[in-house]
Amino acid sequence: AEVEHLQPMLSLANARNDAEFEAWSERLGRLIGEEPYQLVTEPKVDGLAISLVYEKGIFVRGATRGNGVVGEDVTPNLRTVRSIPLRLAGEPAPPLVEVRGEVYLPLEGFARVNEEQIAAGGKPFMNPRNSAAGSLRQKNPAVTASRPLSLWAYGIGRSEGLELATHWDSL
């Protein structure tokens, strides 16, 4: 089923070399002027962008990015990904937290899944990203559970009851 995100899931900007990073840095400087700022850099993990919604610390809904406004509800499949907590640690839990991240298939797991595909007479997957996306969008959660998917969380979408002053705080 389709699900509307609590706030739009925008695409991330990437810099693949020094020149692209310098150009981005110059644009940022023009936008914020003399205001001091700090940067946080993170690895880019190539998977399927997802939103995880927690209410009072309990995982209640997960969706793909889709078009950024509306995604696909894949909650039953996300519940099978071992690195996704079904309950947040810490008390008291905030009323609402939307975690954003990438579900991906580590290279070692990709090799194993392809070996299994070939052994079963199927075609191997083309790349880990497509394999992760296909695994998460299965109609049968047992298929998803059989794949060694993982989560790379990179941010917070909408939240209530959290006091996060910086991106670093959200990480």
N, C-alpha and C. Protein backbone atom coordinates (compact mmCIF):
# COMPACT_ATOMS: atom_id res chain seq x y z
N ALA A 1 0.84 -1.19 0.00
CA ALA A 1 0.00 0.00 0.00
C ALA A 1 0.88 1.25 0.00
N GLU A 2 0.34 2.31 -0.55
CA GLU A 2 1.06 3.58 -0.53
C GLU A 2 0.92 4.23 0.85
N VAL A 3 1.95 4.97 1.24
CA VAL A 3 1.93 5.67 2.51
C VAL A 3 2.57 7.04 2.30
N GLU A 4 1.93 8.07 2.85
CA GLU A 4 2.47 9.42 2.75
C GLU A 4 3.47 9.65 3.88
N HIS A 5 4.65 10.15 3.53
CA HIS A 5 5.67 10.41 4.54
C HIS A 5 5.26 11.57 5.44
N LEU A 6 5.71 11.53 6.68
CA LEU A 6 5.39 12.58 7.64
C LEU A 6 5.98 13.91 7.22
N GLN A 7 7.10 13.87 6.52
CA GLN A 7 7.67 15.03 5.84
C GLN A 7 8.43 14.48 4.65
N PRO A 8 8.56 15.27 3.59
CA PRO A 8 9.18 14.73 2.36
C PRO A 8 10.58 14.17 2.62
N MET A 9 10.89 13.10 1.90
CA MET A 9 12.21 12.49 1.92
C MET A 9 12.96 13.00 0.68
N LEU A 10 13.83 13.96 0.90
CA LEU A 10 14.56 14.56 -0.21
C LEU A 10 15.78 13.73 -0.55
N SER A 11 16.29 13.91 -1.74
CA SER A 11 17.52 13.23 -2.15
C SER A 11 18.71 13.88 -1.47
N LEU A 12 19.73 13.07 -1.21
CA LEU A 12 20.97 13.58 -0.63
C LEU A 12 21.88 14.09 -1.74
N ALA A 13 22.64 15.12 -1.45
CA ALA A 13 23.63 15.63 -2.40
C ALA A 13 24.93 14.86 -2.19
N ASN A 14 25.56 14.46 -3.27
CA ASN A 14 26.81 13.72 -3.20
C ASN A 14 27.94 14.53 -3.83
N ALA A 15 29.11 14.39 -3.28
CA ALA A 15 30.32 14.94 -3.89
C ALA A 15 31.25 13.76 -4.11
N ARG A 16 31.59 13.51 -5.36
CA ARG A 16 32.39 12.34 -5.69
C ARG A 16 33.88 12.64 -5.86
N ASN A 17 34.23 13.91 -5.80
CA ASN A 17 35.65 14.28 -5.91
C ASN A 17 35.86 15.64 -5.27
N ASP A 18 37.11 16.05 -5.18
CA ASP A 18 37.44 17.32 -4.51
C ASP A 18 36.78 18.51 -5.18
N ALA A 19 36.75 18.54 -6.52
CA ALA A 19 36.16 19.68 -7.24
C ALA A 19 34.67 19.82 -6.93
N GLU A 20 33.93 18.70 -6.90
CA GLU A 20 32.51 18.75 -6.58
C GLU A 20 32.28 19.21 -5.14
N PHE A 21 33.15 18.77 -4.23
CA PHE A 21 33.02 19.18 -2.84
C PHE A 21 33.30 20.68 -2.70
N GLU A 22 34.33 21.18 -3.38
CA GLU A 22 34.66 22.62 -3.32
C GLU A 22 33.52 23.46 -3.89
N ALA A 23 32.91 23.02 -4.99
CA ALA A 23 31.79 23.76 -5.58
C ALA A 23 30.61 23.79 -4.62
N TRP A 24 30.33 22.66 -3.98
CA TRP A 24 29.24 22.60 -2.99
C TRP A 24 29.55 23.53 -1.82
N SER A 25 30.79 23.50 -1.35
CA SER A 25 31.20 24.33 -0.22
C SER A 25 31.04 25.82 -0.54
N GLU A 26 31.39 26.19 -1.75
CA GLU A 26 31.23 27.60 -2.17
C GLU A 26 29.76 28.00 -2.21
N ARG A 27 28.89 27.12 -2.73
CA ARG A 27 27.45 27.41 -2.75
C ARG A 27 26.92 27.57 -1.32
N LEU A 28 27.35 26.69 -0.43
CA LEU A 28 26.92 26.78 0.96
C LEU A 28 27.37 28.10 1.57
N GLY A 29 28.60 28.48 1.33
CA GLY A 29 29.12 29.74 1.86
C GLY A 29 28.31 30.94 1.40
N ARG A 30 27.91 30.93 0.13
CA ARG A 30 27.09 32.04 -0.40
C ARG A 30 25.71 32.05 0.27
N LEU A 31 25.17 30.86 0.56
CA LEU A 31 23.84 30.77 1.17
C LEU A 31 23.82 31.26 2.62
N ILE A 32 24.82 30.89 3.40
CA ILE A 32 24.77 31.21 4.82
C ILE A 32 25.61 32.42 5.20
N GLY A 33 26.40 32.93 4.28
CA GLY A 33 27.18 34.13 4.56
C GLY A 33 28.24 33.89 5.60
N GLU A 34 28.31 34.78 6.58
CA GLU A 34 29.36 34.74 7.61
C GLU A 34 29.01 33.84 8.79
N GLU A 35 27.83 33.25 8.77
CA GLU A 35 27.39 32.39 9.87
C GLU A 35 28.35 31.21 10.02
N PRO A 36 28.90 30.98 11.23
CA PRO A 36 29.79 29.82 11.40
C PRO A 36 29.01 28.51 11.28
N TYR A 37 29.67 27.49 10.78
CA TYR A 37 29.02 26.19 10.63
C TYR A 37 30.03 25.07 10.78
N GLN A 38 29.51 23.88 11.04
CA GLN A 38 30.31 22.66 11.10
C GLN A 38 29.77 21.69 10.08
N LEU A 39 30.64 20.82 9.60
CA LEU A 39 30.24 19.81 8.64
C LEU A 39 30.32 18.42 9.27
N VAL A 40 29.41 17.56 8.86
CA VAL A 40 29.45 16.15 9.24
C VAL A 40 29.52 15.38 7.92
N THR A 41 30.51 14.54 7.78
CA THR A 41 30.60 13.71 6.58
C THR A 41 30.32 12.26 6.96
N GLU A 42 29.66 11.57 6.05
CA GLU A 42 29.30 10.18 6.28
C GLU A 42 29.50 9.40 4.99
N PRO A 43 29.76 8.11 5.11
CA PRO A 43 29.85 7.30 3.89
C PRO A 43 28.50 7.24 3.19
N LYS A 44 28.52 7.12 1.88
CA LYS A 44 27.30 6.92 1.12
C LYS A 44 27.10 5.42 0.96
N VAL A 45 26.03 4.91 1.53
CA VAL A 45 25.70 3.50 1.42
C VAL A 45 24.62 3.38 0.35
N ASP A 46 24.86 2.55 -0.65
CA ASP A 46 23.93 2.42 -1.76
C ASP A 46 22.95 1.29 -1.50
N GLY A 47 21.76 1.68 -1.10
CA GLY A 47 20.71 0.72 -0.82
C GLY A 47 19.38 1.32 -1.21
N LEU A 48 18.37 1.00 -0.46
CA LEU A 48 17.02 1.51 -0.70
C LEU A 48 16.67 2.44 0.46
N ALA A 49 16.38 3.71 0.15
CA ALA A 49 16.05 4.68 1.19
C ALA A 49 14.73 4.32 1.84
N ILE A 50 14.72 4.38 3.17
CA ILE A 50 13.52 4.01 3.91
C ILE A 50 13.28 4.98 5.06
N SER A 51 12.05 4.98 5.52
CA SER A 51 11.61 5.75 6.68
C SER A 51 11.05 4.77 7.69
N LEU A 52 11.50 4.89 8.94
CA LEU A 52 11.02 4.04 10.03
C LEU A 52 10.32 4.93 11.05
N VAL A 53 9.05 4.70 11.30
CA VAL A 53 8.29 5.52 12.24
C VAL A 53 8.13 4.76 13.56
N TYR A 54 8.55 5.44 14.63
CA TYR A 54 8.41 4.89 15.99
C TYR A 54 7.46 5.78 16.77
N GLU A 55 6.48 5.16 17.42
CA GLU A 55 5.57 5.88 18.31
C GLU A 55 5.78 5.35 19.72
N LYS A 56 6.10 6.24 20.64
CA LYS A 56 6.40 5.86 22.03
C LYS A 56 7.44 4.74 22.08
N GLY A 57 8.40 4.80 21.15
CA GLY A 57 9.51 3.85 21.13
C GLY A 57 9.24 2.55 20.40
N ILE A 58 8.03 2.36 19.88
CA ILE A 58 7.66 1.12 19.20
C ILE A 58 7.64 1.36 17.68
N PHE A 59 8.29 0.47 16.93
CA PHE A 59 8.29 0.55 15.47
C PHE A 59 6.89 0.25 14.96
N VAL A 60 6.27 1.24 14.28
CA VAL A 60 4.89 1.07 13.84
C VAL A 60 4.73 1.05 12.32
N ARG A 61 5.68 1.67 11.58
CA ARG A 61 5.54 1.69 10.13
C ARG A 61 6.87 1.96 9.46
N GLY A 62 7.07 1.28 8.36
CA GLY A 62 8.26 1.51 7.55
C GLY A 62 7.86 1.62 6.09
N ALA A 63 8.50 2.54 5.38
CA ALA A 63 8.14 2.75 3.98
C ALA A 63 9.38 3.07 3.16
N THR A 64 9.29 2.75 1.87
CA THR A 64 10.35 3.14 0.93
C THR A 64 10.23 4.63 0.66
N ARG A 65 11.28 5.21 0.08
CA ARG A 65 11.28 6.64 -0.25
C ARG A 65 10.22 6.94 -1.30
N GLY A 66 10.05 6.06 -2.28
CA GLY A 66 9.09 6.32 -3.37
C GLY A 66 9.46 7.59 -4.11
N ASN A 67 8.50 8.48 -4.28
CA ASN A 67 8.76 9.74 -4.98
C ASN A 67 9.18 10.86 -4.03
N GLY A 68 9.40 10.49 -2.78
CA GLY A 68 9.81 11.48 -1.77
C GLY A 68 8.66 11.98 -0.92
N VAL A 69 7.44 11.92 -1.46
CA VAL A 69 6.25 12.33 -0.73
C VAL A 69 5.42 11.10 -0.34
N VAL A 70 5.31 10.16 -1.27
CA VAL A 70 4.57 8.92 -1.06
C VAL A 70 5.50 7.75 -1.34
N GLY A 71 5.53 6.80 -0.40
CA GLY A 71 6.33 5.60 -0.57
C GLY A 71 5.47 4.37 -0.45
N GLU A 72 6.12 3.22 -0.46
CA GLU A 72 5.44 1.94 -0.37
C GLU A 72 5.60 1.39 1.05
N ASP A 73 4.50 1.00 1.67
CA ASP A 73 4.52 0.43 3.02
C ASP A 73 5.16 -0.96 2.95
N VAL A 74 6.31 -1.11 3.61
CA VAL A 74 7.02 -2.40 3.64
C VAL A 74 7.29 -2.81 5.09
N THR A 75 6.39 -2.42 5.98
CA THR A 75 6.55 -2.68 7.41
C THR A 75 6.80 -4.16 7.73
N PRO A 76 5.99 -5.10 7.23
CA PRO A 76 6.23 -6.51 7.60
C PRO A 76 7.64 -6.98 7.20
N ASN A 77 8.13 -6.53 6.06
CA ASN A 77 9.46 -6.93 5.62
C ASN A 77 10.56 -6.26 6.45
N LEU A 78 10.38 -5.00 6.80
CA LEU A 78 11.38 -4.32 7.61
C LEU A 78 11.48 -4.94 9.00
N ARG A 79 10.40 -5.49 9.51
CA ARG A 79 10.43 -6.15 10.82
C ARG A 79 11.37 -7.35 10.82
N THR A 80 11.71 -7.88 9.65
CA THR A 80 12.59 -9.05 9.57
C THR A 80 14.06 -8.67 9.45
N VAL A 81 14.37 -7.39 9.26
CA VAL A 81 15.77 -6.95 9.13
C VAL A 81 16.34 -6.85 10.54
N ARG A 82 17.32 -7.69 10.83
CA ARG A 82 17.82 -7.84 12.20
C ARG A 82 18.41 -6.56 12.80
N SER A 83 18.95 -5.68 11.96
CA SER A 83 19.57 -4.46 12.49
C SER A 83 18.57 -3.34 12.74
N ILE A 84 17.30 -3.56 12.45
CA ILE A 84 16.26 -2.56 12.71
C ILE A 84 15.60 -2.89 14.04
N PRO A 85 15.77 -2.02 15.04
CA PRO A 85 15.15 -2.30 16.33
C PRO A 85 13.63 -2.15 16.25
N LEU A 86 12.93 -3.08 16.87
CA LEU A 86 11.48 -3.00 16.93
C LEU A 86 11.03 -2.12 18.09
N ARG A 87 11.97 -1.84 19.01
CA ARG A 87 11.73 -0.96 20.15
C ARG A 87 13.00 -0.13 20.36
N LEU A 88 12.82 1.18 20.53
CA LEU A 88 13.97 2.05 20.76
C LEU A 88 14.45 1.92 22.20
N ALA A 89 15.75 2.03 22.36
CA ALA A 89 16.34 1.99 23.70
C ALA A 89 16.14 3.34 24.39
N GLY A 90 16.17 3.32 25.70
CA GLY A 90 16.07 4.56 26.46
C GLY A 90 14.65 4.85 26.91
N GLU A 91 14.57 5.46 28.06
CA GLU A 91 13.27 5.84 28.63
C GLU A 91 13.36 7.27 29.14
N PRO A 92 12.36 8.06 29.03
CA PRO A 92 11.12 7.75 28.34
C PRO A 92 11.30 7.91 26.82
N ALA A 93 10.60 7.13 26.07
CA ALA A 93 10.67 7.22 24.61
C ALA A 93 9.91 8.46 24.14
N PRO A 94 10.43 9.13 23.12
CA PRO A 94 9.69 10.27 22.59
C PRO A 94 8.38 9.82 21.94
N PRO A 95 7.39 10.68 21.91
CA PRO A 95 6.10 10.31 21.32
C PRO A 95 6.22 9.88 19.85
N LEU A 96 7.13 10.52 19.10
CA LEU A 96 7.27 10.23 17.68
C LEU A 96 8.70 10.44 17.23
N VAL A 97 9.23 9.48 16.51
CA VAL A 97 10.55 9.61 15.88
C VAL A 97 10.49 8.91 14.53
N GLU A 98 10.89 9.63 13.50
CA GLU A 98 10.99 9.05 12.16
C GLU A 98 12.47 8.95 11.82
N VAL A 99 12.97 7.72 11.73
CA VAL A 99 14.38 7.48 11.41
C VAL A 99 14.48 7.28 9.90
N ARG A 100 15.47 7.91 9.30
CA ARG A 100 15.72 7.77 7.86
C ARG A 100 17.01 7.00 7.65
N GLY A 101 17.04 6.15 6.65
CA GLY A 101 18.25 5.39 6.39
C GLY A 101 18.19 4.63 5.09
N GLU A 102 19.16 3.76 4.90
CA GLU A 102 19.26 2.90 3.72
C GLU A 102 19.27 1.45 4.18
N VAL A 103 18.42 0.64 3.58
CA VAL A 103 18.51 -0.79 3.75
C VAL A 103 19.40 -1.28 2.62
N TYR A 104 20.43 -2.01 2.98
CA TYR A 104 21.41 -2.44 1.98
C TYR A 104 21.81 -3.89 2.21
N LEU A 105 22.47 -4.45 1.21
CA LEU A 105 22.97 -5.81 1.29
C LEU A 105 24.49 -5.74 1.27
N PRO A 106 25.15 -6.05 2.40
CA PRO A 106 26.62 -6.02 2.42
C PRO A 106 27.19 -6.95 1.34
N LEU A 107 28.38 -6.62 0.85
CA LEU A 107 28.97 -7.38 -0.25
C LEU A 107 29.09 -8.87 0.03
N GLU A 108 29.46 -9.22 1.25
CA GLU A 108 29.55 -10.63 1.62
C GLU A 108 28.19 -11.32 1.51
N GLY A 109 27.16 -10.64 1.97
CA GLY A 109 25.80 -11.19 1.86
C GLY A 109 25.33 -11.26 0.43
N PHE A 110 25.72 -10.29 -0.38
CA PHE A 110 25.37 -10.29 -1.81
C PHE A 110 25.96 -11.52 -2.50
N ALA A 111 27.21 -11.83 -2.19
CA ALA A 111 27.85 -13.01 -2.78
C ALA A 111 27.11 -14.28 -2.36
N ARG A 112 26.74 -14.35 -1.08
CA ARG A 112 26.03 -15.54 -0.58
C ARG A 112 24.66 -15.70 -1.24
N VAL A 113 23.92 -14.59 -1.36
CA VAL A 113 22.60 -14.64 -1.98
C VAL A 113 22.72 -15.08 -3.43
N ASN A 114 23.73 -14.59 -4.15
CA ASN A 114 23.90 -14.99 -5.54
C ASN A 114 24.26 -16.46 -5.66
N GLU A 115 25.09 -16.95 -4.76
CA GLU A 115 25.42 -18.39 -4.76
C GLU A 115 24.15 -19.22 -4.57
N GLU A 116 23.30 -18.78 -3.66
CA GLU A 116 22.05 -19.49 -3.40
C GLU A 116 21.12 -19.43 -4.61
N GLN A 117 21.05 -18.26 -5.25
CA GLN A 117 20.22 -18.10 -6.45
C GLN A 117 20.65 -19.07 -7.54
N ILE A 118 21.96 -19.12 -7.79
CA ILE A 118 22.50 -19.99 -8.84
C ILE A 118 22.27 -21.45 -8.48
N ALA A 119 22.51 -21.82 -7.22
CA ALA A 119 22.31 -23.20 -6.78
C ALA A 119 20.85 -23.64 -6.94
N ALA A 120 19.93 -22.70 -6.82
CA ALA A 120 18.50 -23.01 -6.96
C ALA A 120 18.04 -22.93 -8.42
N GLY A 121 18.99 -22.69 -9.33
CA GLY A 121 18.65 -22.62 -10.75
C GLY A 121 18.17 -21.26 -11.20
N GLY A 122 18.31 -20.25 -10.34
CA GLY A 122 17.88 -18.90 -10.70
C GLY A 122 19.02 -18.07 -11.25
N LYS A 123 18.68 -16.87 -11.66
CA LYS A 123 19.69 -15.93 -12.17
C LYS A 123 20.27 -15.15 -11.00
N PRO A 124 21.56 -14.85 -11.06
CA PRO A 124 22.14 -14.02 -10.00
C PRO A 124 21.65 -12.57 -10.12
N PHE A 125 21.64 -11.88 -9.00
CA PHE A 125 21.28 -10.46 -9.00
C PHE A 125 22.40 -9.66 -9.66
N MET A 126 22.04 -8.53 -10.27
CA MET A 126 23.02 -7.71 -10.98
C MET A 126 23.95 -6.95 -10.03
N ASN A 127 23.40 -6.42 -8.93
CA ASN A 127 24.22 -5.66 -8.00
C ASN A 127 23.56 -5.65 -6.62
N PRO A 128 24.32 -5.31 -5.58
CA PRO A 128 23.77 -5.33 -4.22
C PRO A 128 22.59 -4.39 -4.01
N ARG A 129 22.59 -3.22 -4.66
CA ARG A 129 21.52 -2.25 -4.47
C ARG A 129 20.20 -2.82 -4.97
N ASN A 130 20.19 -3.35 -6.19
CA ASN A 130 18.96 -3.92 -6.73
C ASN A 130 18.51 -5.14 -5.94
N SER A 131 19.48 -5.91 -5.47
CA SER A 131 19.16 -7.08 -4.66
C SER A 131 18.49 -6.66 -3.35
N ALA A 132 19.00 -5.62 -2.72
CA ALA A 132 18.40 -5.13 -1.47
C ALA A 132 17.00 -4.61 -1.72
N ALA A 133 16.83 -3.83 -2.79
CA ALA A 133 15.52 -3.27 -3.11
C ALA A 133 14.51 -4.38 -3.40
N GLY A 134 14.92 -5.34 -4.20
CA GLY A 134 14.02 -6.45 -4.51
C GLY A 134 13.70 -7.29 -3.29
N SER A 135 14.68 -7.47 -2.43
CA SER A 135 14.46 -8.26 -1.21
C SER A 135 13.47 -7.57 -0.29
N LEU A 136 13.54 -6.26 -0.20
CA LEU A 136 12.66 -5.53 0.71
C LEU A 136 11.24 -5.40 0.16
N ARG A 137 11.10 -5.49 -1.14
CA ARG A 137 9.78 -5.30 -1.75
C ARG A 137 9.07 -6.63 -2.03
N GLN A 138 9.52 -7.71 -1.44
CA GLN A 138 8.88 -9.02 -1.60
C GLN A 138 7.49 -9.02 -0.98
N LYS A 139 6.59 -9.79 -1.56
CA LYS A 139 5.26 -9.92 -0.97
C LYS A 139 5.28 -10.86 0.24
N ASN A 140 6.28 -11.73 0.29
CA ASN A 140 6.41 -12.69 1.37
C ASN A 140 7.55 -12.27 2.30
N PRO A 141 7.26 -11.84 3.53
CA PRO A 141 8.33 -11.42 4.45
C PRO A 141 9.36 -12.51 4.75
N ALA A 142 8.99 -13.78 4.57
CA ALA A 142 9.96 -14.85 4.81
C ALA A 142 11.11 -14.79 3.82
N VAL A 143 10.82 -14.35 2.59
CA VAL A 143 11.89 -14.19 1.60
C VAL A 143 12.82 -13.07 2.05
N THR A 144 12.24 -11.97 2.50
CA THR A 144 13.06 -10.85 3.00
C THR A 144 13.91 -11.31 4.17
N ALA A 145 13.31 -12.07 5.07
CA ALA A 145 14.03 -12.53 6.27
C ALA A 145 15.20 -13.44 5.91
N SER A 146 15.14 -14.10 4.77
CA SER A 146 16.22 -15.01 4.38
C SER A 146 17.43 -14.28 3.81
N ARG A 147 17.30 -12.99 3.57
CA ARG A 147 18.39 -12.20 3.00
C ARG A 147 19.10 -11.43 4.10
N PRO A 148 20.44 -11.37 4.07
CA PRO A 148 21.20 -10.70 5.14
C PRO A 148 21.23 -9.17 4.97
N LEU A 149 20.06 -8.56 5.00
CA LEU A 149 19.96 -7.11 4.85
C LEU A 149 20.43 -6.41 6.11
N SER A 150 20.83 -5.15 5.94
CA SER A 150 21.27 -4.35 7.08
C SER A 150 20.73 -2.93 6.92
N LEU A 151 20.84 -2.15 7.96
CA LEU A 151 20.37 -0.76 7.96
C LEU A 151 21.53 0.18 8.23
N TRP A 152 21.60 1.27 7.47
CA TRP A 152 22.51 2.39 7.74
C TRP A 152 21.60 3.58 8.00
N ALA A 153 21.46 3.98 9.26
CA ALA A 153 20.63 5.14 9.61
C ALA A 153 21.45 6.41 9.44
N TYR A 154 20.85 7.41 8.79
CA TYR A 154 21.60 8.64 8.53
C TYR A 154 20.89 9.91 8.97
N GLY A 155 19.70 9.79 9.51
CA GLY A 155 19.07 11.03 9.94
C GLY A 155 17.71 10.81 10.59
N ILE A 156 17.16 11.92 11.06
CA ILE A 156 15.84 11.95 11.67
C ILE A 156 14.95 12.80 10.79
N GLY A 157 13.77 12.28 10.48
CA GLY A 157 12.77 13.07 9.78
C GLY A 157 11.97 13.85 10.81
N ARG A 158 10.68 13.60 10.85
CA ARG A 158 9.83 14.28 11.82
C ARG A 158 10.01 13.65 13.20
N SER A 159 9.91 14.49 14.21
CA SER A 159 9.99 13.98 15.58
C SER A 159 9.20 14.88 16.50
N GLU A 160 8.80 14.32 17.62
CA GLU A 160 8.15 15.06 18.70
C GLU A 160 8.83 14.64 19.99
N GLY A 161 9.17 15.61 20.80
CA GLY A 161 9.77 15.28 22.09
C GLY A 161 11.27 15.06 22.05
N LEU A 162 11.91 15.35 20.93
CA LEU A 162 13.37 15.25 20.85
C LEU A 162 13.96 16.65 20.77
N GLU A 163 15.02 16.86 21.49
CA GLU A 163 15.73 18.14 21.43
C GLU A 163 17.06 17.88 20.73
N LEU A 164 17.09 18.09 19.43
CA LEU A 164 18.30 17.86 18.64
C LEU A 164 18.73 19.18 18.02
N ALA A 165 19.85 19.71 18.48
CA ALA A 165 20.31 21.00 17.99
C ALA A 165 21.08 20.87 16.68
N THR A 166 21.73 19.73 16.47
CA THR A 166 22.57 19.56 15.27
C THR A 166 22.33 18.20 14.64
N HIS A 167 22.81 18.08 13.41
CA HIS A 167 22.74 16.78 12.73
C HIS A 167 23.54 15.75 13.53
N TRP A 168 24.69 16.18 14.05
CA TRP A 168 25.51 15.27 14.84
C TRP A 168 24.72 14.71 16.02
N ASP A 169 23.93 15.55 16.66
CA ASP A 169 23.07 15.11 17.77
C ASP A 169 22.12 14.02 17.31
N SER A 170 21.57 14.15 16.11
CA SER A 170 20.60 13.16 15.62
C SER A 170 21.29 11.82 15.34
N LEU A 171 22.54 11.88 14.90
CA LEU A 171 23.26 10.62 14.66
C LEU A 171 23.49 9.90 15.97
